[in-house]
C-alpha atoms as a PDB file:
ATOM      1  CA  UNK A   1      -3.167  28.125 -59.135  1.00  0.00           C
ATOM      2  CA  UNK A   2      -4.697  29.870 -56.291  1.00  0.00           C
ATOM      3  CA  UNK A   3      -7.780  30.835 -58.569  1.00  0.00           C
ATOM      4  CA  UNK A   4      -8.695  27.088 -59.063  1.00  0.00           C
ATOM      5  CA  UNK A   5     -11.706  25.537 -57.223  1.00  0.00           C
ATOM      6  CA  UNK A   6     -11.084  22.911 -54.663  1.00  0.00           C
ATOM      7  CA  UNK A   7     -12.177  20.251 -57.371  1.00  0.00           C
ATOM      8  CA  UNK A   8      -9.758  21.986 -59.821  1.00  0.00           C
ATOM      9  CA  UNK A   9      -7.034  21.882 -57.583  1.00  0.00           C
ATOM     10  CA  UNK A  10      -7.527  18.065 -56.748  1.00  0.00           C
ATOM     11  CA  UNK A  11      -7.663  17.422 -60.397  1.00  0.00           C
ATOM     12  CA  UNK A  12      -4.274  19.435 -61.016  1.00  0.00           C
ATOM     13  CA  UNK A  13      -2.674  17.588 -58.156  1.00  0.00           C
ATOM     14  CA  UNK A  14      -3.620  14.087 -59.535  1.00  0.00           C
ATOM     15  CA  UNK A  15      -2.600  15.267 -63.045  1.00  0.00           C
ATOM     16  CA  UNK A  16       0.741  16.446 -61.592  1.00  0.00           C
ATOM     17  CA  UNK A  17       1.279  13.087 -59.829  1.00  0.00           C
ATOM     18  CA  UNK A  18       0.571  11.220 -63.289  1.00  0.00           C
ATOM     19  CA  UNK A  19       3.161  13.832 -64.920  1.00  0.00           C
ATOM     20  CA  UNK A  20       5.587  12.845 -62.390  1.00  0.00           C
ATOM     21  CA  UNK A  21       5.275   9.047 -62.985  1.00  0.00           C
ATOM     22  CA  UNK A  22       5.525   9.768 -66.568  1.00  0.00           C
ATOM     23  CA  UNK A  23       8.563  11.751 -66.160  1.00  0.00           C
ATOM     24  CA  UNK A  24       9.965   8.670 -64.033  1.00  0.00           C
ATOM     25  CA  UNK A  25       8.877   6.140 -66.626  1.00  0.00           C
ATOM     26  CA  UNK A  26      10.805   8.369 -69.221  1.00  0.00           C
ATOM     27  CA  UNK A  27      13.918   8.423 -67.364  1.00  0.00           C
ATOM     28  CA  UNK A  28      13.676  12.298 -66.956  1.00  0.00           C
ATOM     29  CA  UNK A  29      14.057  12.260 -63.124  1.00  0.00           C
ATOM     30  CA  UNK A  30      14.487   9.807 -60.424  1.00  0.00           C
ATOM     31  CA  UNK A  31      12.637   9.848 -56.963  1.00  0.00           C
ATOM     32  CA  UNK A  32      12.826  11.585 -54.736  1.00  0.00           C
ATOM     33  CA  UNK A  33      12.255  14.583 -56.805  1.00  0.00           C
ATOM     34  CA  UNK A  34      10.696  18.035 -55.804  1.00  0.00           C
ATOM     35  CA  UNK A  35       9.555  20.463 -58.237  1.00  0.00           C
ATOM     36  CA  UNK A  36      10.518  24.107 -58.074  1.00  0.00           C
ATOM     37  CA  UNK A  37       7.888  26.764 -57.928  1.00  0.00           C
ATOM     38  CA  UNK A  38       8.445  27.784 -61.413  1.00  0.00           C
ATOM     39  CA  UNK A  39       8.029  24.045 -62.456  1.00  0.00           C
ATOM     40  CA  UNK A  40       4.874  23.881 -60.403  1.00  0.00           C
ATOM     41  CA  UNK A  41       3.587  26.707 -62.431  1.00  0.00           C
ATOM     42  CA  UNK A  42       4.740  25.462 -65.651  1.00  0.00           C
ATOM     43  CA  UNK A  43       2.846  22.177 -64.740  1.00  0.00           C
ATOM     44  CA  UNK A  44      -0.230  24.232 -64.093  1.00  0.00           C
ATOM     45  CA  UNK A  45      -0.016  25.729 -67.411  1.00  0.00           C
ATOM     46  CA  UNK A  46       0.381  22.698 -69.141  1.00  0.00           C
ATOM     47  CA  UNK A  47      -2.558  21.168 -67.416  1.00  0.00           C
ATOM     48  CA  UNK A  48      -4.699  24.166 -68.167  1.00  0.00           C
ATOM     49  CA  UNK A  49      -3.562  24.032 -71.841  1.00  0.00           C
ATOM     50  CA  UNK A  50      -4.918  20.513 -72.032  1.00  0.00           C
ATOM     51  CA  UNK A  51      -1.687  18.551 -72.238  1.00  0.00           C
ATOM     52  CA  UNK A  52      -1.720  14.996 -71.078  1.00  0.00           C
ATOM     53  CA  UNK A  53       0.453  14.072 -68.124  1.00  0.00           C
ATOM     54  CA  UNK A  54       2.988  12.573 -70.418  1.00  0.00           C
ATOM     55  CA  UNK A  55       3.065  15.478 -72.628  1.00  0.00           C
ATOM     56  CA  UNK A  56       3.433  18.035 -69.720  1.00  0.00           C
ATOM     57  CA  UNK A  57       6.431  15.658 -68.595  1.00  0.00           C
ATOM     58  CA  UNK A  58       8.103  15.924 -71.746  1.00  0.00           C
ATOM     59  CA  UNK A  59       7.337  19.835 -72.182  1.00  0.00           C
ATOM     60  CA  UNK A  60       8.799  20.291 -68.597  1.00  0.00           C
ATOM     61  CA  UNK A  61      11.882  18.124 -68.924  1.00  0.00           C
ATOM     62  CA  UNK A  62      12.924  17.569 -72.446  1.00  0.00           C
ATOM     63  CA  UNK A  63      14.180  21.011 -73.049  1.00  0.00           C
ATOM     64  CA  UNK A  64      16.175  21.061 -69.685  1.00  0.00           C
ATOM     65  CA  UNK A  65      18.480  18.123 -70.521  1.00  0.00           C
END
């Protein structure tokens, strides 16, 4: 994540917020929730792969339940 420009980091931050909102809406997590460093890396990978925030939330949480 450190190799992203400031603009890309801002986009990733916004995408991650949207993924969190999608995870809450799907019932995967309840606020307050803080991702682990490994989860942050996974989210960044899903973002880079072009997943939507909802797809990223499902990919991150669906296999962990």
